[in-house]
Amino acid sequence: MPSRAGFVALIGEPNAGKSTLLNAMVGQKVSIVTHKVQTTRARIRGVAIEGDAQIVFVDTPGLFRPRRTLDRAMVAAAWGGAADADLIVLMVEAHRGVTDGVARILDDLAERTAGRPVALAINKIDRVKSEVLLGLSQDLNDRFAFARTFMISAEKGYGVADLRTWLAATLPEGPWLYPEDQIADLPMRMIAAEITREKLTLRLHQELPYQLTVETEGWEDRKDGSARIDQVIYVARDGHKGIVLGKKGETIKAVSQAARAELEEMLDRRIHLFLQVKVRPGWLDEAARFSAMGLDFGDGKG
C-alpha cells in the first residue's frame, strides 16, 4: 500500500476546541489548551501516524473579527494555515451553533479553500440533544458543500478516530514529511515558551489581558544531561509586572514550578528554568515579537 502524507488545517472560532483536537489526534500535548479564548498564536504543527499515512496538523489561531495589529496577524495566520493545507477541518461548537463568527467563516470558505476538501467537525456533541445536532449539521451543509461531516467530542475522544481515519485515507499519496519520532516541527524553544505562557494564563485567570508573551532567550544543554532554560515574560505595562510576579513572588514561582514539571515530563530530563519579567510597552506593535510567535507582522489584512 502506498504511503500518504500531507497537511491538515484545523480552523474555527476561538475556543472551538482546535488545540484539544490536535492533542487528541497526536496523542501528546503540542498545543496549549486553556479555558481562555485566543491562546493559540502561532501555526503549531503536530504529526500523527495513521496506518501508512502521516498527518501533519496545522493548528491555527481562532478566526474572529480583528481589531488590533496582533488580531489581524492572527487571523491572517489562520487563513494562511488553511491556504497551505491539503485538507481543512472546520470545527463548530455544537451548543453554540451558527454564530455570526461561524457564518463569516462559511462565507469566506469557498474563496479561501480553492476547491480543496473541507470536512466539518461538530465538536462538544455531549452538550446537546441528537435532534439539535442533526438540525445543525443540515444547516451547515446547506451553507457549504462539506466533503464529510463528523460528530465529535475532542475532549472525551468521541469520533476522533473516525476523523483521523478519513483524513489519512484522503491525503495525497507521497513520502512522509517528518521522521517518525518527531511530533511537532516547532523548535523546542518555542514549545517551552508556550508551556510557560499556558501556566501564566491558567494561574492569572481574568487578572491579566492578552498583553503578555513569553520568549525563550537561552537554552543550555549541560554535561549532566540537564538543560538550563532562560525565559523572559514581556508585559505591556508596569502594573502587569506586579501581577505576574505576585505577592512576594508567589505567582511567578508557582508558574515556574508548573512549567518546569511539564517540561521535565515532556523532555524526560532535568530542567533548570529561570524566568524574568520585563516591561516592553510597545511589544504588541513590534515586528520582532510577531516573528518570535511565528506570525507575520505585515500580513494582517485578512
C-alpha atoms as a PDB file:
ATOM      1  CA  MET A   1       0.000   0.000   0.000  1.00  0.00           C
ATOM      2  CA  PRO A   2       1.472   3.409  -0.948  1.00  0.00           C
ATOM      3  CA  SER A   3       2.272   5.872   1.800  1.00  0.00           C
ATOM      4  CA  ARG A   4       0.332   9.108   2.173  1.00  0.00           C
ATOM      5  CA  ALA A   5       1.305  12.415   3.736  1.00  0.00           C
ATOM      6  CA  GLY A   6       0.066  15.965   3.847  1.00  0.00           C
ATOM      7  CA  PHE A   7      -1.065  18.963   5.827  1.00  0.00           C
ATOM      8  CA  VAL A   8      -4.413  19.309   7.596  1.00  0.00           C
ATOM      9  CA  ALA A   9      -5.542  22.737   8.813  1.00  0.00           C
ATOM     10  CA  LEU A  10      -7.867  22.982  11.797  1.00  0.00           C
ATOM     11  CA  ILE A  11      -9.892  26.194  11.574  1.00  0.00           C
ATOM     12  CA  GLY A  12     -12.782  27.661  13.531  1.00  0.00           C
ATOM     13  CA  GLU A  13     -13.774  30.310  16.006  1.00  0.00           C
ATOM     14  CA  PRO A  14     -11.738  30.904  19.175  1.00  0.00           C
ATOM     15  CA  ASN A  15     -12.297  28.179  21.777  1.00  0.00           C
ATOM     16  CA  ALA A  16     -13.885  25.769  19.258  1.00  0.00           C
ATOM     17  CA  GLY A  17     -11.561  23.020  20.542  1.00  0.00           C
ATOM     18  CA  LYS A  18      -8.892  23.015  17.847  1.00  0.00           C
ATOM     19  CA  SER A  19      -5.967  22.631  20.249  1.00  0.00           C
ATOM     20  CA  THR A  20      -7.768  19.894  22.194  1.00  0.00           C
ATOM     21  CA  LEU A  21      -8.456  18.006  18.958  1.00  0.00           C
ATOM     22  CA  LEU A  22      -4.847  18.384  17.818  1.00  0.00           C
ATOM     23  CA  ASN A  23      -3.568  16.955  21.090  1.00  0.00           C
ATOM     24  CA  ALA A  24      -6.082  14.073  20.896  1.00  0.00           C
ATOM     25  CA  MET A  25      -5.031  13.303  17.318  1.00  0.00           C
ATOM     26  CA  VAL A  26      -1.306  13.414  18.018  1.00  0.00           C
ATOM     27  CA  GLY A  27      -1.538  11.694  21.395  1.00  0.00           C
ATOM     28  CA  GLN A  28       0.822  14.146  23.060  1.00  0.00           C
ATOM     29  CA  LYS A  29       0.491  17.739  24.135  1.00  0.00           C
ATOM     30  CA  VAL A  30       1.843  20.051  21.438  1.00  0.00           C
ATOM     31  CA  SER A  31      -0.604  22.936  21.511  1.00  0.00           C
ATOM     32  CA  ILE A  32      -1.553  24.700  24.719  1.00  0.00           C
ATOM     33  CA  VAL A  33      -5.102  24.246  25.937  1.00  0.00           C
ATOM     34  CA  THR A  34      -6.773  26.646  28.350  1.00  0.00           C
ATOM     35  CA  HIS A  35     -10.291  27.766  29.165  1.00  0.00           C
ATOM     36  CA  LYS A  36      -9.498  31.202  27.763  1.00  0.00           C
ATOM     37  CA  VAL A  37     -10.001  32.124  24.126  1.00  0.00           C
ATOM     38  CA  GLN A  38      -7.162  33.165  21.815  1.00  0.00           C
ATOM     39  CA  THR A  39      -4.355  31.196  23.463  1.00  0.00           C
ATOM     40  CA  THR A  40      -3.012  29.753  20.204  1.00  0.00           C
ATOM     41  CA  ARG A  41      -0.991  32.388  18.408  1.00  0.00           C
ATOM     42  CA  ALA A  42       1.316  30.510  16.083  1.00  0.00           C
ATOM     43  CA  ARG A  43       0.709  27.851  13.461  1.00  0.00           C
ATOM     44  CA  ILE A  44       1.693  24.928  15.673  1.00  0.00           C
ATOM     45  CA  ARG A  45       2.005  21.637  13.832  1.00  0.00           C
ATOM     46  CA  GLY A  46       1.541  18.212  15.327  1.00  0.00           C
ATOM     47  CA  VAL A  47       2.301  14.989  13.485  1.00  0.00           C
ATOM     48  CA  ALA A  48       0.045  11.909  13.740  1.00  0.00           C
ATOM     49  CA  ILE A  49       0.606   8.481  12.197  1.00  0.00           C
ATOM     50  CA  GLU A  50      -2.418   6.516  10.995  1.00  0.00           C
ATOM     51  CA  GLY A  51      -1.542   3.294   9.191  1.00  0.00           C
ATOM     52  CA  ASP A  52       0.602   4.191   6.172  1.00  0.00           C
ATOM     53  CA  ALA A  53      -0.294   7.875   6.405  1.00  0.00           C
ATOM     54  CA  GLN A  54       1.435  10.749   8.134  1.00  0.00           C
ATOM     55  CA  ILE A  55      -0.960  13.570   9.023  1.00  0.00           C
ATOM     56  CA  VAL A  56       0.662  16.934   9.730  1.00  0.00           C
ATOM     57  CA  PHE A  57      -1.779  19.165  11.593  1.00  0.00           C
ATOM     58  CA  VAL A  58      -1.653  22.928  11.299  1.00  0.00           C
ATOM     59  CA  ASP A  59      -3.302  24.317  14.419  1.00  0.00           C
ATOM     60  CA  THR A  60      -4.323  27.875  13.601  1.00  0.00           C
ATOM     61  CA  PRO A  61      -5.395  30.776  15.800  1.00  0.00           C
ATOM     62  CA  GLY A  62      -9.168  31.165  16.069  1.00  0.00           C
ATOM     63  CA  LEU A  63     -10.911  33.148  13.341  1.00  0.00           C
ATOM     64  CA  PHE A  64     -12.654  36.248  14.657  1.00  0.00           C
ATOM     65  CA  ARG A  65     -13.225  39.880  13.715  1.00  0.00           C
ATOM     66  CA  PRO A  66      -9.801  41.561  14.070  1.00  0.00           C
ATOM     67  CA  ARG A  67      -9.365  44.897  15.829  1.00  0.00           C
ATOM     68  CA  ARG A  68      -5.667  45.276  16.694  1.00  0.00           C
ATOM     69  CA  THR A  69      -2.463  44.625  14.774  1.00  0.00           C
ATOM     70  CA  LEU A  70      -1.961  41.387  16.711  1.00  0.00           C
ATOM     71  CA  ASP A  71      -5.550  40.332  15.937  1.00  0.00           C
ATOM     72  CA  ARG A  72      -5.068  40.943  12.217  1.00  0.00           C
ATOM     73  CA  ALA A  73      -1.832  38.953  12.160  1.00  0.00           C
ATOM     74  CA  MET A  74      -3.521  36.055  13.988  1.00  0.00           C
ATOM     75  CA  VAL A  75      -6.475  35.958  11.573  1.00  0.00           C
ATOM     76  CA  ALA A  76      -4.110  36.145   8.598  1.00  0.00           C
ATOM     77  CA  ALA A  77      -2.099  33.262  10.098  1.00  0.00           C
ATOM     78  CA  ALA A  78      -5.263  31.191  10.449  1.00  0.00           C
ATOM     79  CA  TRP A  79      -6.283  31.647   6.817  1.00  0.00           C
ATOM     80  CA  GLY A  80      -2.651  31.235   5.776  1.00  0.00           C
ATOM     81  CA  GLY A  81      -2.583  27.869   7.506  1.00  0.00           C
ATOM     82  CA  ALA A  82      -5.681  26.845   5.568  1.00  0.00           C
ATOM     83  CA  ALA A  83      -4.150  28.039   2.286  1.00  0.00           C
ATOM     84  CA  ASP A  84      -1.073  25.847   2.837  1.00  0.00           C
ATOM     85  CA  ALA A  85      -3.033  22.689   3.689  1.00  0.00           C
ATOM     86  CA  ASP A  86      -4.127  19.680   1.623  1.00  0.00           C
ATOM     87  CA  LEU A  87      -7.250  19.186   3.725  1.00  0.00           C
ATOM     88  CA  ILE A  88      -9.192  21.520   6.006  1.00  0.00           C
ATOM     89  CA  VAL A  89     -11.337  20.747   9.038  1.00  0.00           C
ATOM     90  CA  LEU A  90     -13.810  23.390  10.179  1.00  0.00           C
ATOM     91  CA  MET A  91     -14.677  22.980  13.848  1.00  0.00           C
ATOM     92  CA  VAL A  92     -18.019  24.277  15.103  1.00  0.00           C
ATOM     93  CA  GLU A  93     -19.231  24.077  18.709  1.00  0.00           C
ATOM     94  CA  ALA A  94     -22.452  22.063  18.892  1.00  0.00           C
ATOM     95  CA  HIS A  95     -24.027  24.106  21.679  1.00  0.00           C
ATOM     96  CA  ARG A  96     -23.255  27.468  20.045  1.00  0.00           C
ATOM     97  CA  GLY A  97     -24.343  26.558  16.522  1.00  0.00           C
ATOM     98  CA  VAL A  98     -24.096  29.003  13.639  1.00  0.00           C
ATOM     99  CA  THR A  99     -22.853  32.137  15.379  1.00  0.00           C
ATOM    100  CA  ASP A 100     -22.056  35.357  13.496  1.00  0.00           C
ATOM    101  CA  GLY A 101     -18.410  34.254  13.510  1.00  0.00           C
ATOM    102  CA  VAL A 102     -19.201  30.835  12.028  1.00  0.00           C
ATOM    103  CA  ALA A 103     -21.383  32.491   9.378  1.00  0.00           C
ATOM    104  CA  ARG A 104     -18.480  34.769   8.393  1.00  0.00           C
ATOM    105  CA  ILE A 105     -16.107  31.790   8.128  1.00  0.00           C
ATOM    106  CA  LEU A 106     -18.626  29.941   5.938  1.00  0.00           C
ATOM    107  CA  ASP A 107     -18.910  32.994   3.669  1.00  0.00           C
ATOM    108  CA  ASP A 108     -15.116  33.007   3.211  1.00  0.00           C
ATOM    109  CA  LEU A 109     -14.598  29.236   2.894  1.00  0.00           C
ATOM    110  CA  ALA A 110     -15.241  28.811  -0.841  1.00  0.00           C
ATOM    111  CA  GLU A 111     -12.868  31.628  -1.801  1.00  0.00           C
ATOM    112  CA  ARG A 112     -10.171  30.696   0.727  1.00  0.00           C
ATOM    113  CA  THR A 113     -10.095  26.915   0.203  1.00  0.00           C
ATOM    114  CA  ALA A 114      -9.920  26.853  -3.604  1.00  0.00           C
ATOM    115  CA  GLY A 115     -11.697  23.558  -4.097  1.00  0.00           C
ATOM    116  CA  ARG A 116      -9.716  21.514  -1.569  1.00  0.00           C
ATOM    117  CA  PRO A 117     -11.730  19.072   0.574  1.00  0.00           C
ATOM    118  CA  VAL A 118     -13.185  20.620   3.726  1.00  0.00           C
ATOM    119  CA  ALA A 119     -14.554  18.368   6.481  1.00  0.00           C
ATOM    120  CA  LEU A 120     -16.972  19.610   9.122  1.00  0.00           C
ATOM    121  CA  ALA A 121     -16.325  18.565  12.722  1.00  0.00           C
ATOM    122  CA  ILE A 122     -19.183  19.444  15.066  1.00  0.00           C
ATOM    123  CA  ASN A 123     -17.456  19.433  18.463  1.00  0.00           C
ATOM    124  CA  LYS A 124     -18.722  19.147  22.049  1.00  0.00           C
ATOM    125  CA  ILE A 125     -21.626  16.937  20.943  1.00  0.00           C
ATOM    126  CA  ASP A 126     -22.147  15.766  24.530  1.00  0.00           C
ATOM    127  CA  ARG A 127     -23.613  19.192  25.311  1.00  0.00           C
ATOM    128  CA  VAL A 128     -26.705  18.973  23.057  1.00  0.00           C
ATOM    129  CA  LYS A 129     -29.500  16.556  22.139  1.00  0.00           C
ATOM    130  CA  SER A 130     -29.292  14.473  18.963  1.00  0.00           C
ATOM    131  CA  GLU A 131     -32.108  16.312  17.175  1.00  0.00           C
ATOM    132  CA  VAL A 132     -30.274  19.609  17.678  1.00  0.00           C
ATOM    133  CA  LEU A 133     -27.132  18.039  16.198  1.00  0.00           C
ATOM    134  CA  LEU A 134     -28.973  16.792  13.130  1.00  0.00           C
ATOM    135  CA  GLY A 135     -30.557  20.196  12.540  1.00  0.00           C
ATOM    136  CA  LEU A 136     -27.201  21.978  12.931  1.00  0.00           C
ATOM    137  CA  SER A 137     -25.490  19.516  10.577  1.00  0.00           C
ATOM    138  CA  GLN A 138     -28.189  20.069   7.930  1.00  0.00           C
ATOM    139  CA  ASP A 139     -27.971  23.857   8.289  1.00  0.00           C
ATOM    140  CA  LEU A 140     -24.177  23.891   7.941  1.00  0.00           C
ATOM    141  CA  ASN A 141     -24.185  21.519   4.960  1.00  0.00           C
ATOM    142  CA  ASP A 142     -26.814  23.658   3.244  1.00  0.00           C
ATOM    143  CA  ARG A 143     -24.433  26.627   3.524  1.00  0.00           C
ATOM    144  CA  PHE A 144     -21.290  24.838   2.260  1.00  0.00           C
ATOM    145  CA  ALA A 145     -20.547  21.597   0.408  1.00  0.00           C
ATOM    146  CA  PHE A 146     -18.517  19.749   3.062  1.00  0.00           C
ATOM    147  CA  ALA A 147     -16.724  16.593   1.957  1.00  0.00           C
ATOM    148  CA  ARG A 148     -17.725  14.794   5.174  1.00  0.00           C
ATOM    149  CA  THR A 149     -19.360  15.656   8.492  1.00  0.00           C
ATOM    150  CA  PHE A 150     -18.113  14.259  11.803  1.00  0.00           C
ATOM    151  CA  MET A 151     -19.776  14.458  15.208  1.00  0.00           C
ATOM    152  CA  ILE A 152     -17.024  14.582  17.820  1.00  0.00           C
ATOM    153  CA  SER A 153     -16.020  15.411  21.349  1.00  0.00           C
ATOM    154  CA  ALA A 154     -12.341  16.308  21.185  1.00  0.00           C
ATOM    155  CA  GLU A 155     -12.121  16.381  24.978  1.00  0.00           C
ATOM    156  CA  LYS A 156     -13.717  12.962  25.532  1.00  0.00           C
ATOM    157  CA  GLY A 157     -12.365  11.371  22.344  1.00  0.00           C
ATOM    158  CA  TYR A 158     -15.721  10.567  20.699  1.00  0.00           C
ATOM    159  CA  GLY A 159     -15.448  10.402  16.911  1.00  0.00           C
ATOM    160  CA  VAL A 160     -11.771  11.404  16.858  1.00  0.00           C
ATOM    161  CA  ALA A 161     -10.576   8.043  15.471  1.00  0.00           C
ATOM    162  CA  ASP A 162     -13.134   8.173  12.626  1.00  0.00           C
ATOM    163  CA  LEU A 163     -11.989  11.654  11.646  1.00  0.00           C
ATOM    164  CA  ARG A 164      -8.329  10.635  11.770  1.00  0.00           C
ATOM    165  CA  THR A 165      -9.011   7.547   9.611  1.00  0.00           C
ATOM    166  CA  TRP A 166     -10.809   9.655   6.982  1.00  0.00           C
ATOM    167  CA  LEU A 167      -8.020  12.259   6.927  1.00  0.00           C
ATOM    168  CA  ALA A 168      -5.384   9.539   6.487  1.00  0.00           C
ATOM    169  CA  ALA A 169      -7.270   7.966   3.562  1.00  0.00           C
ATOM    170  CA  THR A 170      -7.926  11.319   1.869  1.00  0.00           C
ATOM    171  CA  LEU A 171      -4.393  12.763   1.979  1.00  0.00           C
ATOM    172  CA  PRO A 172      -2.372  12.632  -1.256  1.00  0.00           C
ATOM    173  CA  GLU A 173      -0.010   9.735  -1.902  1.00  0.00           C
ATOM    174  CA  GLY A 174       3.634  10.531  -1.232  1.00  0.00           C
ATOM    175  CA  PRO A 175       6.580  10.053   1.118  1.00  0.00           C
ATOM    176  CA  TRP A 176       6.344  11.062   4.763  1.00  0.00           C
ATOM    177  CA  LEU A 177       7.358  14.646   5.525  1.00  0.00           C
ATOM    178  CA  TYR A 178       8.873  14.167   9.009  1.00  0.00           C
ATOM    179  CA  PRO A 179      10.858  11.491  10.841  1.00  0.00           C
ATOM    180  CA  GLU A 180       8.512   9.073  12.633  1.00  0.00           C
ATOM    181  CA  ASP A 181       9.564  10.160  16.135  1.00  0.00           C
ATOM    182  CA  GLN A 182       9.023  13.879  15.518  1.00  0.00           C
ATOM    183  CA  ILE A 183       5.683  15.099  16.873  1.00  0.00           C
ATOM    184  CA  ALA A 184       5.979  18.825  16.254  1.00  0.00           C
ATOM    185  CA  ASP A 185       8.041  20.985  13.955  1.00  0.00           C
ATOM    186  CA  LEU A 186       8.129  23.971  16.275  1.00  0.00           C
ATOM    187  CA  PRO A 187      11.554  24.498  17.798  1.00  0.00           C
ATOM    188  CA  MET A 188      11.654  23.262  21.392  1.00  0.00           C
ATOM    189  CA  ARG A 189      12.443  26.821  22.476  1.00  0.00           C
ATOM    190  CA  MET A 190       9.035  27.920  21.219  1.00  0.00           C
ATOM    191  CA  ILE A 191       7.198  24.937  22.717  1.00  0.00           C
ATOM    192  CA  ALA A 192       8.881  25.677  26.067  1.00  0.00           C
ATOM    193  CA  ALA A 193       7.730  29.309  25.851  1.00  0.00           C
ATOM    194  CA  GLU A 194       4.171  28.199  25.029  1.00  0.00           C
ATOM    195  CA  ILE A 195       4.122  25.908  28.074  1.00  0.00           C
ATOM    196  CA  THR A 196       5.150  28.778  30.368  1.00  0.00           C
ATOM    197  CA  ARG A 197       2.535  31.054  28.748  1.00  0.00           C
ATOM    198  CA  GLU A 198      -0.116  28.388  29.335  1.00  0.00           C
ATOM    199  CA  LYS A 199       0.775  28.205  33.029  1.00  0.00           C
ATOM    200  CA  LEU A 200       0.569  32.004  33.288  1.00  0.00           C
ATOM    201  CA  THR A 201      -2.835  32.019  31.599  1.00  0.00           C
ATOM    202  CA  LEU A 202      -4.187  29.319  33.900  1.00  0.00           C
ATOM    203  CA  ARG A 203      -2.752  30.924  37.038  1.00  0.00           C
ATOM    204  CA  LEU A 204      -3.829  34.503  36.345  1.00  0.00           C
ATOM    205  CA  HIS A 205      -7.348  33.777  35.023  1.00  0.00           C
ATOM    206  CA  GLN A 206      -9.069  37.125  34.443  1.00  0.00           C
ATOM    207  CA  GLU A 207      -6.378  39.276  36.056  1.00  0.00           C
ATOM    208  CA  LEU A 208      -4.216  39.855  33.015  1.00  0.00           C
ATOM    209  CA  PRO A 209      -5.251  40.720  29.480  1.00  0.00           C
ATOM    210  CA  TYR A 210      -3.555  39.122  26.491  1.00  0.00           C
ATOM    211  CA  GLN A 211      -0.813  41.697  26.562  1.00  0.00           C
ATOM    212  CA  LEU A 212       1.919  39.294  27.557  1.00  0.00           C
ATOM    213  CA  THR A 213       4.197  36.972  25.664  1.00  0.00           C
ATOM    214  CA  VAL A 214       6.964  34.578  26.634  1.00  0.00           C
ATOM    215  CA  GLU A 215      10.244  34.114  24.787  1.00  0.00           C
ATOM    216  CA  THR A 216      12.981  31.575  25.400  1.00  0.00           C
ATOM    217  CA  GLU A 217      16.190  33.595  25.349  1.00  0.00           C
ATOM    218  CA  GLY A 218      18.657  30.887  26.345  1.00  0.00           C
ATOM    219  CA  TRP A 219      18.894  27.100  26.194  1.00  0.00           C
ATOM    220  CA  GLU A 220      21.992  25.391  27.517  1.00  0.00           C
ATOM    221  CA  ASP A 221      22.398  21.609  27.391  1.00  0.00           C
ATOM    222  CA  ARG A 222      24.576  20.600  30.341  1.00  0.00           C
ATOM    223  CA  LYS A 223      27.037  17.734  30.638  1.00  0.00           C
ATOM    224  CA  ASP A 224      24.959  16.005  33.308  1.00  0.00           C
ATOM    225  CA  GLY A 225      22.068  15.664  30.834  1.00  0.00           C
ATOM    226  CA  SER A 226      20.004  18.509  32.270  1.00  0.00           C
ATOM    227  CA  ALA A 227      19.175  21.771  30.498  1.00  0.00           C
ATOM    228  CA  ARG A 228      19.093  25.374  31.660  1.00  0.00           C
ATOM    229  CA  ILE A 229      16.285  27.390  30.068  1.00  0.00           C
ATOM    230  CA  ASP A 230      16.117  31.182  30.420  1.00  0.00           C
ATOM    231  CA  GLN A 231      12.835  32.834  29.514  1.00  0.00           C
ATOM    232  CA  VAL A 232      11.549  36.406  29.506  1.00  0.00           C
ATOM    233  CA  ILE A 233       7.917  37.272  30.098  1.00  0.00           C
ATOM    234  CA  TYR A 234       7.139  40.548  28.313  1.00  0.00           C
ATOM    235  CA  VAL A 235       4.236  42.641  29.601  1.00  0.00           C
ATOM    236  CA  ALA A 236       2.903  45.902  28.211  1.00  0.00           C
ATOM    237  CA  ARG A 237       2.596  47.895  31.468  1.00  0.00           C
ATOM    238  CA  ASP A 238       4.386  48.331  34.790  1.00  0.00           C
ATOM    239  CA  GLY A 239       1.210  47.344  36.632  1.00  0.00           C
ATOM    240  CA  HIS A 240       1.169  43.986  34.859  1.00  0.00           C
ATOM    241  CA  LYS A 241       4.659  43.144  36.093  1.00  0.00           C
ATOM    242  CA  GLY A 242       3.449  43.112  39.684  1.00  0.00           C
ATOM    243  CA  ILE A 243       0.523  40.858  38.771  1.00  0.00           C
ATOM    244  CA  VAL A 244       2.820  38.351  37.063  1.00  0.00           C
ATOM    245  CA  LEU A 245       5.282  38.354  39.962  1.00  0.00           C
ATOM    246  CA  GLY A 246       2.529  38.113  42.596  1.00  0.00           C
ATOM    247  CA  LYS A 247       2.768  38.814  46.317  1.00  0.00           C
ATOM    248  CA  LYS A 248       6.334  38.067  47.450  1.00  0.00           C
ATOM    249  CA  GLY A 249       6.949  36.450  44.053  1.00  0.00           C
ATOM    250  CA  GLU A 250       4.438  33.666  44.728  1.00  0.00           C
ATOM    251  CA  THR A 251       2.787  33.732  41.293  1.00  0.00           C
ATOM    252  CA  ILE A 252       5.968  33.605  39.222  1.00  0.00           C
ATOM    253  CA  LYS A 253       7.330  30.869  41.487  1.00  0.00           C
ATOM    254  CA  ALA A 254       4.210  28.718  41.034  1.00  0.00           C
ATOM    255  CA  VAL A 255       4.244  29.292  37.253  1.00  0.00           C
ATOM    256  CA  SER A 256       7.921  28.362  37.071  1.00  0.00           C
ATOM    257  CA  GLN A 257       7.386  25.159  39.063  1.00  0.00           C
ATOM    258  CA  ALA A 258       4.411  24.078  36.938  1.00  0.00           C
ATOM    259  CA  ALA A 259       6.185  24.844  33.647  1.00  0.00           C
ATOM    260  CA  ARG A 260       9.369  23.098  34.781  1.00  0.00           C
ATOM    261  CA  ALA A 261       7.458  19.969  35.822  1.00  0.00           C
ATOM    262  CA  GLU A 262       5.731  19.731  32.442  1.00  0.00           C
ATOM    263  CA  LEU A 263       8.974  20.333  30.535  1.00  0.00           C
ATOM    264  CA  GLU A 264      10.746  17.637  32.538  1.00  0.00           C
ATOM    265  CA  GLU A 265       7.956  15.180  31.778  1.00  0.00           C
ATOM    266  CA  MET A 266       7.917  16.069  28.073  1.00  0.00           C
ATOM    267  CA  LEU A 267      11.698  16.014  27.616  1.00  0.00           C
ATOM    268  CA  ASP A 268      12.447  13.252  30.128  1.00  0.00           C
ATOM    269  CA  ARG A 269      15.349  15.197  31.610  1.00  0.00           C
ATOM    270  CA  ARG A 270      16.029  17.593  34.466  1.00  0.00           C
ATOM    271  CA  ILE A 271      15.250  21.233  33.673  1.00  0.00           C
ATOM    272  CA  HIS A 272      16.524  24.374  35.401  1.00  0.00           C
ATOM    273  CA  LEU A 273      14.020  27.085  34.437  1.00  0.00           C
ATOM    274  CA  PHE A 274      14.728  30.777  35.068  1.00  0.00           C
ATOM    275  CA  LEU A 275      12.014  33.360  34.430  1.00  0.00           C
ATOM    276  CA  GLN A 276      12.347  37.149  34.193  1.00  0.00           C
ATOM    277  CA  VAL A 277       9.558  39.685  33.760  1.00  0.00           C
ATOM    278  CA  LYS A 278      10.251  42.737  31.603  1.00  0.00           C
ATOM    279  CA  VAL A 279       8.050  45.689  30.698  1.00  0.00           C
ATOM    280  CA  ARG A 280       8.066  46.469  26.978  1.00  0.00           C
ATOM    281  CA  PRO A 281       5.204  48.928  26.364  1.00  0.00           C
ATOM    282  CA  GLY A 282       5.063  48.622  22.574  1.00  0.00           C
ATOM    283  CA  TRP A 283       5.632  44.894  22.139  1.00  0.00           C
ATOM    284  CA  LEU A 284       2.180  44.378  20.605  1.00  0.00           C
ATOM    285  CA  ASP A 285       3.275  46.516  17.655  1.00  0.00           C
ATOM    286  CA  GLU A 286       6.832  45.211  17.242  1.00  0.00           C
ATOM    287  CA  ALA A 287       7.570  43.084  14.200  1.00  0.00           C
ATOM    288  CA  ALA A 288      10.226  41.088  16.083  1.00  0.00           C
ATOM    289  CA  ARG A 289       7.722  39.921  18.691  1.00  0.00           C
ATOM    290  CA  PHE A 290       5.398  38.697  15.922  1.00  0.00           C
ATOM    291  CA  SER A 291       8.208  36.775  14.262  1.00  0.00           C
ATOM    292  CA  ALA A 292       9.059  35.132  17.595  1.00  0.00           C
ATOM    293  CA  MET A 293       5.452  33.893  17.788  1.00  0.00           C
ATOM    294  CA  GLY A 294       5.552  32.597  14.206  1.00  0.00           C
ATOM    295  CA  LEU A 295       3.289  35.378  12.912  1.00  0.00           C
ATOM    296  CA  ASP A 296       3.801  37.831  10.064  1.00  0.00           C
ATOM    297  CA  PHE A 297       3.630  41.451  11.181  1.00  0.00           C
ATOM    298  CA  GLY A 298       2.833  42.680   7.686  1.00  0.00           C
ATOM    299  CA  ASP A 299       0.143  40.283   6.539  1.00  0.00           C
ATOM    300  CA  GLY A 300      -2.576  41.311   8.946  1.00  0.00           C
ATOM    301  CA  LYS A 301      -5.150  42.478   6.424  1.00  0.00           C
ATOM    302  CA  GLY A 302      -7.047  39.186   6.220  1.00  0.00           C
END
